[in-house]
Amino acid sequence: MSAATRVVAEQGLSAATAVIAKEAGVSNGSLFVYFDTKATLLNELYVALKTEMNEAAMAGVAKDGDVREQLRQLWTQWLRWATSNPDKRRVIAQLEVSDEISVVSHQIVRAGFSGMAQSVDRGRADGPMRDASLGFVLALLTAVAETTIDAIISDPVNADALTGLGFDAMWRMLTYKE
């Protein structure tokens, strides 16, 4: 998986399995002992990377604490993982829009993100996003997160301030009342 991450980050999804196998130190034929097809490899890579990202974001987050602090911790850890793992972030972005990723893989990832989704649901319960679909709200939050991550990568000296500003924008989106 590490070899596939490095190669796909560098060459994109069209990278040859022979290149991935070489990077992993195995023969191309050996690669297919573990993965029936390239699509199988890409699906397993997608699930593994998204699971790693989710676990990093959710590590130590109290299930029943103050929702704002819960979401702040989740947010901070998500951004820290993404800025510390640029190749993995790049590969996830490619895989998320790939036709190779199966409905089942997307379902596995969504199920794994249920803790994060529950936290967001709690945060939006009384806010302007309470009636919007959870998928829509999560897409908006992801867009704010990606923008914040890009800003942090461009200006790492101000990472803490940018993380806070991104969180404040996300929080207001969920809870703003006129």
N, C-alpha and C. Protein backbone atom coordinates (compact mmCIF):
# COMPACT_ATOMS: atom_id res chain seq x y z
N MET A 1 0.82 -1.20 0.00
CA MET A 1 0.00 0.00 0.00
C MET A 1 0.87 1.27 0.00
N SER A 2 1.97 1.22 0.74
CA SER A 2 2.87 2.38 0.77
C SER A 2 3.46 2.64 -0.61
N ALA A 3 3.86 1.56 -1.28
CA ALA A 3 4.42 1.70 -2.63
C ALA A 3 3.37 2.26 -3.58
N ALA A 4 2.16 1.74 -3.50
CA ALA A 4 1.08 2.23 -4.37
C ALA A 4 0.80 3.70 -4.09
N THR A 5 0.83 4.10 -2.84
CA THR A 5 0.61 5.50 -2.48
C THR A 5 1.67 6.39 -3.11
N ARG A 6 2.92 6.00 -2.96
CA ARG A 6 4.02 6.81 -3.52
C ARG A 6 3.91 6.92 -5.04
N VAL A 7 3.66 5.79 -5.71
CA VAL A 7 3.62 5.79 -7.17
C VAL A 7 2.41 6.56 -7.68
N VAL A 8 1.25 6.33 -7.11
CA VAL A 8 0.04 7.04 -7.57
C VAL A 8 0.17 8.54 -7.28
N ALA A 9 0.76 8.90 -6.15
CA ALA A 9 0.95 10.32 -5.86
C ALA A 9 1.83 10.97 -6.90
N GLU A 10 2.83 10.25 -7.38
CA GLU A 10 3.78 10.79 -8.35
C GLU A 10 3.27 10.71 -9.79
N GLN A 11 2.65 9.56 -10.15
CA GLN A 11 2.31 9.32 -11.55
C GLN A 11 0.81 9.34 -11.85
N GLY A 12 -0.01 9.36 -10.83
CA GLY A 12 -1.45 9.35 -11.05
C GLY A 12 -2.00 7.94 -11.14
N LEU A 13 -3.30 7.87 -11.33
CA LEU A 13 -4.00 6.58 -11.35
C LEU A 13 -3.64 5.72 -12.56
N SER A 14 -3.06 6.32 -13.57
CA SER A 14 -2.68 5.54 -14.76
C SER A 14 -1.34 4.84 -14.58
N ALA A 15 -0.71 4.99 -13.43
CA ALA A 15 0.58 4.33 -13.18
C ALA A 15 0.45 2.83 -13.40
N ALA A 16 1.46 2.27 -14.02
CA ALA A 16 1.45 0.83 -14.32
C ALA A 16 1.65 0.02 -13.05
N THR A 17 0.98 -1.11 -12.99
CA THR A 17 1.15 -2.00 -11.84
C THR A 17 2.60 -2.48 -11.73
N ALA A 18 3.30 -2.59 -12.86
CA ALA A 18 4.70 -3.01 -12.84
C ALA A 18 5.55 -2.00 -12.06
N VAL A 19 5.22 -0.72 -12.17
CA VAL A 19 5.94 0.32 -11.44
C VAL A 19 5.64 0.21 -9.95
N ILE A 20 4.39 -0.03 -9.62
CA ILE A 20 4.00 -0.20 -8.21
C ILE A 20 4.70 -1.43 -7.63
N ALA A 21 4.70 -2.52 -8.37
CA ALA A 21 5.35 -3.75 -7.91
C ALA A 21 6.85 -3.51 -7.68
N LYS A 22 7.50 -2.85 -8.63
CA LYS A 22 8.92 -2.57 -8.49
C LYS A 22 9.19 -1.72 -7.26
N GLU A 23 8.36 -0.70 -7.05
CA GLU A 23 8.51 0.17 -5.87
C GLU A 23 8.33 -0.63 -4.59
N ALA A 24 7.46 -1.64 -4.63
CA ALA A 24 7.21 -2.49 -3.46
C ALA A 24 8.27 -3.58 -3.29
N GLY A 25 9.12 -3.74 -4.32
CA GLY A 25 10.17 -4.75 -4.24
C GLY A 25 9.68 -6.16 -4.53
N VAL A 26 8.60 -6.26 -5.32
CA VAL A 26 8.07 -7.57 -5.70
C VAL A 26 7.89 -7.60 -7.22
N SER A 27 7.73 -8.80 -7.75
CA SER A 27 7.48 -8.91 -9.19
C SER A 27 6.05 -8.50 -9.48
N ASN A 28 5.81 -8.12 -10.74
CA ASN A 28 4.46 -7.72 -11.14
C ASN A 28 3.48 -8.86 -10.90
N GLY A 29 3.92 -10.09 -11.21
CA GLY A 29 3.06 -11.25 -10.97
C GLY A 29 2.72 -11.43 -9.50
N SER A 30 3.69 -11.15 -8.63
CA SER A 30 3.45 -11.27 -7.19
C SER A 30 2.40 -10.28 -6.71
N LEU A 31 2.40 -9.11 -7.32
CA LEU A 31 1.41 -8.11 -6.94
C LEU A 31 -0.01 -8.67 -7.10
N PHE A 32 -0.19 -9.45 -8.16
CA PHE A 32 -1.52 -9.99 -8.45
C PHE A 32 -1.86 -11.22 -7.61
N VAL A 33 -0.92 -11.66 -6.78
CA VAL A 33 -1.24 -12.68 -5.78
C VAL A 33 -2.08 -12.03 -4.68
N TYR A 34 -1.75 -10.77 -4.39
CA TYR A 34 -2.44 -10.03 -3.32
C TYR A 34 -3.68 -9.29 -3.81
N PHE A 35 -3.64 -8.84 -5.05
CA PHE A 35 -4.74 -8.07 -5.62
C PHE A 35 -5.09 -8.67 -6.98
N ASP A 36 -6.33 -9.09 -7.13
CA ASP A 36 -6.75 -9.73 -8.39
C ASP A 36 -6.55 -8.83 -9.60
N THR A 37 -6.85 -7.54 -9.40
CA THR A 37 -6.78 -6.58 -10.50
C THR A 37 -6.24 -5.26 -9.95
N LYS A 38 -5.89 -4.38 -10.86
CA LYS A 38 -5.47 -3.04 -10.45
C LYS A 38 -6.63 -2.33 -9.74
N ALA A 39 -7.83 -2.54 -10.22
CA ALA A 39 -9.00 -1.92 -9.58
C ALA A 39 -9.13 -2.39 -8.13
N THR A 40 -8.87 -3.66 -7.88
CA THR A 40 -8.92 -4.17 -6.50
C THR A 40 -7.88 -3.46 -5.64
N LEU A 41 -6.67 -3.31 -6.17
CA LEU A 41 -5.61 -2.59 -5.46
C LEU A 41 -6.05 -1.17 -5.15
N LEU A 42 -6.59 -0.47 -6.13
CA LEU A 42 -7.01 0.92 -5.93
C LEU A 42 -8.14 1.03 -4.92
N ASN A 43 -9.08 0.10 -4.94
CA ASN A 43 -10.17 0.11 -3.98
C ASN A 43 -9.66 -0.13 -2.56
N GLU A 44 -8.76 -1.08 -2.42
CA GLU A 44 -8.21 -1.36 -1.09
C GLU A 44 -7.36 -0.19 -0.60
N LEU A 45 -6.64 0.44 -1.52
CA LEU A 45 -5.85 1.62 -1.16
C LEU A 45 -6.76 2.76 -0.70
N TYR A 46 -7.84 2.98 -1.41
CA TYR A 46 -8.80 4.03 -1.05
C TYR A 46 -9.36 3.80 0.35
N VAL A 47 -9.82 2.59 0.61
CA VAL A 47 -10.39 2.27 1.92
C VAL A 47 -9.33 2.42 3.01
N ALA A 48 -8.12 1.94 2.75
CA ALA A 48 -7.06 2.03 3.75
C ALA A 48 -6.69 3.48 4.08
N LEU A 49 -6.53 4.31 3.06
CA LEU A 49 -6.15 5.71 3.29
C LEU A 49 -7.26 6.49 3.98
N LYS A 50 -8.49 6.30 3.55
CA LYS A 50 -9.61 7.01 4.19
C LYS A 50 -9.78 6.54 5.63
N THR A 51 -9.56 5.26 5.89
CA THR A 51 -9.65 4.73 7.25
C THR A 51 -8.56 5.34 8.11
N GLU A 52 -7.35 5.41 7.59
CA GLU A 52 -6.24 6.02 8.34
C GLU A 52 -6.55 7.48 8.67
N MET A 53 -7.06 8.22 7.69
CA MET A 53 -7.40 9.61 7.90
C MET A 53 -8.48 9.75 8.98
N ASN A 54 -9.52 8.94 8.90
CA ASN A 54 -10.59 8.98 9.88
C ASN A 54 -10.09 8.64 11.28
N GLU A 55 -9.27 7.60 11.38
CA GLU A 55 -8.75 7.21 12.69
C GLU A 55 -7.89 8.31 13.29
N ALA A 56 -7.10 8.97 12.46
CA ALA A 56 -6.28 10.09 12.95
C ALA A 56 -7.17 11.24 13.43
N ALA A 57 -8.22 11.53 12.68
CA ALA A 57 -9.12 12.63 13.06
C ALA A 57 -9.89 12.32 14.34
N MET A 58 -10.26 11.08 14.53
CA MET A 58 -11.12 10.70 15.65
C MET A 58 -10.34 10.25 16.89
N ALA A 59 -9.03 10.14 16.81
CA ALA A 59 -8.22 9.64 17.93
C ALA A 59 -8.44 10.46 19.19
N GLY A 60 -8.90 9.81 20.22
CA GLY A 60 -9.08 10.46 21.51
C GLY A 60 -10.24 11.42 21.61
N VAL A 61 -11.06 11.52 20.59
CA VAL A 61 -12.20 12.43 20.64
C VAL A 61 -13.27 11.81 21.55
N ALA A 62 -13.65 12.55 22.58
CA ALA A 62 -14.67 12.07 23.52
C ALA A 62 -16.01 11.95 22.81
N LYS A 63 -16.67 10.84 23.00
CA LYS A 63 -17.94 10.58 22.31
C LYS A 63 -19.08 11.46 22.84
N ASP A 64 -19.04 11.80 24.12
CA ASP A 64 -20.18 12.50 24.72
C ASP A 64 -19.83 13.87 25.29
N GLY A 65 -18.73 14.44 24.88
CA GLY A 65 -18.33 15.73 25.41
C GLY A 65 -19.06 16.89 24.75
N ASP A 66 -18.61 18.08 25.06
CA ASP A 66 -19.12 19.29 24.44
C ASP A 66 -18.89 19.18 22.94
N VAL A 67 -19.94 19.36 22.16
CA VAL A 67 -19.86 19.13 20.72
C VAL A 67 -18.89 20.09 20.04
N ARG A 68 -18.83 21.32 20.50
CA ARG A 68 -17.91 22.29 19.88
C ARG A 68 -16.46 21.84 20.10
N GLU A 69 -16.13 21.43 21.30
CA GLU A 69 -14.77 20.97 21.58
C GLU A 69 -14.48 19.65 20.88
N GLN A 70 -15.49 18.82 20.79
CA GLN A 70 -15.34 17.56 20.08
C GLN A 70 -15.00 17.82 18.61
N LEU A 71 -15.77 18.70 17.98
CA LEU A 71 -15.52 19.03 16.58
C LEU A 71 -14.20 19.78 16.39
N ARG A 72 -13.82 20.60 17.35
CA ARG A 72 -12.53 21.31 17.26
C ARG A 72 -11.38 20.30 17.27
N GLN A 73 -11.44 19.33 18.16
CA GLN A 73 -10.38 18.32 18.22
C GLN A 73 -10.34 17.50 16.93
N LEU A 74 -11.50 17.08 16.48
CA LEU A 74 -11.59 16.31 15.24
C LEU A 74 -11.02 17.13 14.08
N TRP A 75 -11.40 18.38 13.96
CA TRP A 75 -10.95 19.29 12.91
C TRP A 75 -9.43 19.44 12.92
N THR A 76 -8.90 19.72 14.10
CA THR A 76 -7.46 19.95 14.24
C THR A 76 -6.68 18.70 13.86
N GLN A 77 -7.13 17.57 14.31
CA GLN A 77 -6.43 16.32 14.01
C GLN A 77 -6.55 15.94 12.54
N TRP A 78 -7.69 16.20 11.92
CA TRP A 78 -7.87 15.95 10.49
C TRP A 78 -6.90 16.80 9.68
N LEU A 79 -6.84 18.09 10.00
CA LEU A 79 -5.95 18.98 9.26
C LEU A 79 -4.49 18.63 9.49
N ARG A 80 -4.14 18.26 10.71
CA ARG A 80 -2.76 17.87 11.00
C ARG A 80 -2.38 16.63 10.18
N TRP A 81 -3.28 15.65 10.10
CA TRP A 81 -3.00 14.44 9.31
C TRP A 81 -2.82 14.83 7.83
N ALA A 82 -3.72 15.64 7.31
CA ALA A 82 -3.69 15.99 5.89
C ALA A 82 -2.43 16.77 5.53
N THR A 83 -2.03 17.71 6.38
CA THR A 83 -0.84 18.50 6.07
C THR A 83 0.45 17.71 6.30
N SER A 84 0.39 16.68 7.11
CA SER A 84 1.56 15.82 7.37
C SER A 84 1.69 14.70 6.35
N ASN A 85 0.65 14.46 5.58
CA ASN A 85 0.63 13.35 4.63
C ASN A 85 0.19 13.83 3.24
N PRO A 86 0.98 14.69 2.62
CA PRO A 86 0.54 15.26 1.34
C PRO A 86 0.35 14.22 0.24
N ASP A 87 1.20 13.20 0.19
CA ASP A 87 1.02 12.16 -0.84
C ASP A 87 -0.28 11.40 -0.63
N LYS A 88 -0.58 11.06 0.60
CA LYS A 88 -1.82 10.33 0.89
C LYS A 88 -3.03 11.20 0.57
N ARG A 89 -2.96 12.47 0.90
CA ARG A 89 -4.05 13.40 0.58
C ARG A 89 -4.26 13.49 -0.93
N ARG A 90 -3.16 13.58 -1.67
CA ARG A 90 -3.23 13.66 -3.13
C ARG A 90 -3.85 12.39 -3.72
N VAL A 91 -3.46 11.24 -3.20
CA VAL A 91 -3.99 9.97 -3.71
C VAL A 91 -5.48 9.85 -3.38
N ILE A 92 -5.87 10.22 -2.17
CA ILE A 92 -7.29 10.18 -1.81
C ILE A 92 -8.09 11.05 -2.78
N ALA A 93 -7.60 12.24 -3.06
CA ALA A 93 -8.33 13.15 -3.97
C ALA A 93 -8.52 12.51 -5.34
N GLN A 94 -7.50 11.83 -5.83
CA GLN A 94 -7.61 11.17 -7.14
C GLN A 94 -8.59 9.99 -7.08
N LEU A 95 -8.48 9.21 -6.01
CA LEU A 95 -9.33 8.02 -5.90
C LEU A 95 -10.80 8.38 -5.70
N GLU A 96 -11.07 9.47 -4.99
CA GLU A 96 -12.46 9.85 -4.73
C GLU A 96 -13.24 10.14 -6.01
N VAL A 97 -12.57 10.56 -7.05
CA VAL A 97 -13.26 10.88 -8.30
C VAL A 97 -13.04 9.81 -9.37
N SER A 98 -12.41 8.72 -8.99
CA SER A 98 -12.12 7.67 -9.96
C SER A 98 -13.32 6.75 -10.16
N ASP A 99 -13.56 6.38 -11.41
CA ASP A 99 -14.60 5.40 -11.72
C ASP A 99 -14.22 4.00 -11.25
N GLU A 100 -12.95 3.80 -10.92
CA GLU A 100 -12.47 2.49 -10.46
C GLU A 100 -12.94 2.17 -9.04
N ILE A 101 -13.30 3.19 -8.28
CA ILE A 101 -13.70 2.96 -6.89
C ILE A 101 -15.15 2.53 -6.87
N SER A 102 -15.37 1.38 -6.27
CA SER A 102 -16.69 0.75 -6.30
C SER A 102 -17.65 1.38 -5.30
N VAL A 103 -18.91 1.14 -5.53
CA VAL A 103 -19.95 1.57 -4.60
C VAL A 103 -19.69 0.96 -3.23
N VAL A 104 -19.28 -0.28 -3.20
CA VAL A 104 -19.00 -0.98 -1.93
C VAL A 104 -17.88 -0.27 -1.18
N SER A 105 -16.81 0.11 -1.87
CA SER A 105 -15.72 0.82 -1.20
C SER A 105 -16.19 2.15 -0.63
N HIS A 106 -17.00 2.87 -1.40
CA HIS A 106 -17.55 4.13 -0.88
C HIS A 106 -18.44 3.87 0.34
N GLN A 107 -19.20 2.80 0.34
CA GLN A 107 -20.05 2.47 1.48
C GLN A 107 -19.22 2.11 2.71
N ILE A 108 -18.14 1.38 2.51
CA ILE A 108 -17.25 1.02 3.62
C ILE A 108 -16.67 2.28 4.26
N VAL A 109 -16.24 3.21 3.42
CA VAL A 109 -15.67 4.46 3.92
C VAL A 109 -16.73 5.26 4.67
N ARG A 110 -17.92 5.39 4.09
CA ARG A 110 -18.99 6.14 4.77
C ARG A 110 -19.31 5.52 6.13
N ALA A 111 -19.37 4.20 6.20
CA ALA A 111 -19.66 3.53 7.47
C ALA A 111 -18.56 3.82 8.48
N GLY A 112 -17.33 3.86 8.02
CA GLY A 112 -16.21 4.14 8.92
C GLY A 112 -16.21 5.56 9.45
N PHE A 113 -16.85 6.45 8.73
CA PHE A 113 -16.91 7.85 9.13
C PHE A 113 -18.16 8.17 9.95
N SER A 114 -18.83 7.16 10.45
CA SER A 114 -20.08 7.40 11.18
C SER A 114 -19.86 8.22 12.45
N GLY A 115 -18.73 8.04 13.12
CA GLY A 115 -18.46 8.84 14.32
C GLY A 115 -18.32 10.31 14.00
N MET A 116 -17.62 10.59 12.91
CA MET A 116 -17.45 11.97 12.47
C MET A 116 -18.81 12.55 12.06
N ALA A 117 -19.58 11.77 11.34
CA ALA A 117 -20.90 12.22 10.89
C ALA A 117 -21.81 12.50 12.08
N GLN A 118 -21.75 11.67 13.10
CA GLN A 118 -22.57 11.89 14.30
C GLN A 118 -22.18 13.18 15.00
N SER A 119 -20.89 13.46 15.05
CA SER A 119 -20.44 14.71 15.66
C SER A 119 -20.96 15.92 14.89
N VAL A 120 -20.88 15.86 13.58
CA VAL A 120 -21.40 16.95 12.75
C VAL A 120 -22.90 17.09 12.95
N ASP A 121 -23.61 15.98 12.99
CA ASP A 121 -25.06 16.01 13.22
C ASP A 121 -25.39 16.71 14.54
N ARG A 122 -24.65 16.39 15.58
CA ARG A 122 -24.87 17.04 16.88
C ARG A 122 -24.60 18.54 16.77
N GLY A 123 -23.56 18.91 16.02
CA GLY A 123 -23.19 20.32 15.90
C GLY A 123 -24.20 21.14 15.12
N ARG A 124 -24.89 20.52 14.20
CA ARG A 124 -25.82 21.28 13.35
C ARG A 124 -27.27 21.18 13.83
N ALA A 125 -27.52 20.48 14.89
CA ALA A 125 -28.88 20.17 15.35
C ALA A 125 -29.80 21.38 15.47
N ASP A 126 -29.27 22.50 15.94
CA ASP A 126 -30.10 23.69 16.12
C ASP A 126 -29.72 24.82 15.17
N GLY A 127 -28.87 24.53 14.21
CA GLY A 127 -28.37 25.57 13.32
C GLY A 127 -29.06 25.59 11.97
N PRO A 128 -28.59 26.44 11.10
CA PRO A 128 -29.21 26.62 9.78
C PRO A 128 -29.05 25.40 8.86
N MET A 129 -28.15 24.51 9.18
CA MET A 129 -27.92 23.33 8.35
C MET A 129 -28.68 22.10 8.84
N ARG A 130 -29.53 22.27 9.83
CA ARG A 130 -30.22 21.12 10.44
C ARG A 130 -31.10 20.36 9.44
N ASP A 131 -31.66 21.05 8.45
CA ASP A 131 -32.57 20.39 7.50
C ASP A 131 -31.88 19.98 6.19
N ALA A 132 -30.62 20.37 6.03
CA ALA A 132 -29.88 19.99 4.82
C ALA A 132 -29.45 18.53 4.94
N SER A 133 -29.28 17.88 3.83
CA SER A 133 -28.82 16.49 3.90
C SER A 133 -27.43 16.44 4.51
N LEU A 134 -27.16 15.39 5.24
CA LEU A 134 -25.87 15.24 5.88
C LEU A 134 -24.76 15.19 4.83
N GLY A 135 -25.01 14.55 3.70
CA GLY A 135 -24.03 14.50 2.64
C GLY A 135 -23.64 15.88 2.15
N PHE A 136 -24.62 16.76 2.00
CA PHE A 136 -24.37 18.13 1.57
C PHE A 136 -23.53 18.87 2.60
N VAL A 137 -23.90 18.73 3.87
CA VAL A 137 -23.18 19.41 4.94
C VAL A 137 -21.73 18.91 5.01
N LEU A 138 -21.54 17.61 4.91
CA LEU A 138 -20.19 17.06 4.95
C LEU A 138 -19.36 17.53 3.75
N ALA A 139 -19.98 17.67 2.60
CA ALA A 139 -19.28 18.18 1.42
C ALA A 139 -18.84 19.63 1.65
N LEU A 140 -19.70 20.45 2.25
CA LEU A 140 -19.33 21.83 2.56
C LEU A 140 -18.17 21.87 3.55
N LEU A 141 -18.25 21.04 4.59
CA LEU A 141 -17.18 21.01 5.59
C LEU A 141 -15.86 20.56 4.97
N THR A 142 -15.94 19.59 4.07
CA THR A 142 -14.74 19.12 3.39
C THR A 142 -14.13 20.24 2.55
N ALA A 143 -14.96 21.02 1.90
CA ALA A 143 -14.46 22.14 1.09
C ALA A 143 -13.75 23.17 1.97
N VAL A 144 -14.32 23.47 3.13
CA VAL A 144 -13.67 24.41 4.05
C VAL A 144 -12.36 23.81 4.56
N ALA A 145 -12.38 22.53 4.87
CA ALA A 145 -11.17 21.86 5.35
C ALA A 145 -10.08 21.88 4.28
N GLU A 146 -10.42 21.54 3.06
CA GLU A 146 -9.44 21.51 1.97
C GLU A 146 -8.85 22.90 1.73
N THR A 147 -9.68 23.92 1.80
CA THR A 147 -9.19 25.29 1.64
C THR A 147 -8.24 25.64 2.78
N THR A 148 -8.59 25.25 3.98
CA THR A 148 -7.74 25.51 5.15
C THR A 148 -6.42 24.75 5.03
N ILE A 149 -6.48 23.51 4.60
CA ILE A 149 -5.27 22.70 4.42
C ILE A 149 -4.35 23.35 3.40
N ASP A 150 -4.90 23.78 2.28
CA ASP A 150 -4.10 24.46 1.27
C ASP A 150 -3.44 25.72 1.83
N ALA A 151 -4.18 26.46 2.63
CA ALA A 151 -3.63 27.68 3.23
C ALA A 151 -2.49 27.35 4.20
N ILE A 152 -2.66 26.29 4.98
CA ILE A 152 -1.62 25.87 5.92
C ILE A 152 -0.36 25.43 5.18
N ILE A 153 -0.54 24.69 4.10
CA ILE A 153 0.61 24.25 3.31
C ILE A 153 1.35 25.45 2.72
N SER A 154 0.60 26.47 2.31
CA SER A 154 1.21 27.68 1.75
C SER A 154 1.85 28.57 2.81
N ASP A 155 1.35 28.48 4.04
CA ASP A 155 1.81 29.36 5.11
C ASP A 155 1.93 28.58 6.42
N PRO A 156 2.88 27.63 6.49
CA PRO A 156 2.97 26.76 7.67
C PRO A 156 3.28 27.50 8.97
N VAL A 157 3.89 28.66 8.89
CA VAL A 157 4.20 29.43 10.10
C VAL A 157 2.92 29.79 10.84
N ASN A 158 1.85 30.01 10.08
CA ASN A 158 0.57 30.41 10.68
C ASN A 158 -0.43 29.26 10.74
N ALA A 159 0.06 28.03 10.80
CA ALA A 159 -0.81 26.85 10.79
C ALA A 159 -1.85 26.88 11.91
N ASP A 160 -1.44 27.22 13.11
CA ASP A 160 -2.40 27.22 14.23
C ASP A 160 -3.49 28.26 14.02
N ALA A 161 -3.11 29.46 13.61
CA ALA A 161 -4.10 30.51 13.38
C ALA A 161 -5.05 30.13 12.24
N LEU A 162 -4.51 29.56 11.17
CA LEU A 162 -5.35 29.17 10.04
C LEU A 162 -6.28 28.02 10.42
N THR A 163 -5.78 27.09 11.21
CA THR A 163 -6.63 26.00 11.70
C THR A 163 -7.80 26.56 12.49
N GLY A 164 -7.52 27.53 13.35
CA GLY A 164 -8.57 28.16 14.14
C GLY A 164 -9.56 28.93 13.29
N LEU A 165 -9.06 29.67 12.32
CA LEU A 165 -9.96 30.42 11.43
C LEU A 165 -10.85 29.48 10.62
N GLY A 166 -10.27 28.40 10.12
CA GLY A 166 -11.06 27.41 9.37
C GLY A 166 -12.13 26.78 10.25
N PHE A 167 -11.74 26.45 11.49
CA PHE A 167 -12.73 25.88 12.41
C PHE A 167 -13.84 26.87 12.69
N ASP A 168 -13.49 28.12 12.96
CA ASP A 168 -14.51 29.13 13.24
C ASP A 168 -15.48 29.28 12.08
N ALA A 169 -14.97 29.25 10.86
CA ALA A 169 -15.85 29.34 9.67
C ALA A 169 -16.77 28.14 9.61
N MET A 170 -16.21 26.96 9.85
CA MET A 170 -17.02 25.74 9.82
C MET A 170 -18.08 25.77 10.92
N TRP A 171 -17.68 26.16 12.11
CA TRP A 171 -18.60 26.20 13.25
C TRP A 171 -19.75 27.18 13.00
N ARG A 172 -19.41 28.36 12.48
CA ARG A 172 -20.47 29.35 12.19
C ARG A 172 -21.42 28.82 11.11
N MET A 173 -20.89 28.12 10.15
CA MET A 173 -21.75 27.55 9.11
C MET A 173 -22.76 26.58 9.73
N LEU A 174 -22.31 25.82 10.70
CA LEU A 174 -23.20 24.85 11.34
C LEU A 174 -24.19 25.47 12.30
N THR A 175 -23.78 26.54 13.00
CA THR A 175 -24.57 27.00 14.14
C THR A 175 -25.09 28.43 14.06
N TYR A 176 -24.73 29.19 13.04
CA TYR A 176 -25.09 30.61 12.96
C TYR A 176 -26.59 30.81 13.09
N LYS A 177 -26.93 31.79 13.91
CA LYS A 177 -28.34 32.19 14.05
C LYS A 177 -28.43 33.69 13.91
N GLU A 178 -29.43 34.14 13.17
CA GLU A 178 -29.62 35.58 12.98
C GLU A 178 -30.35 36.17 14.15
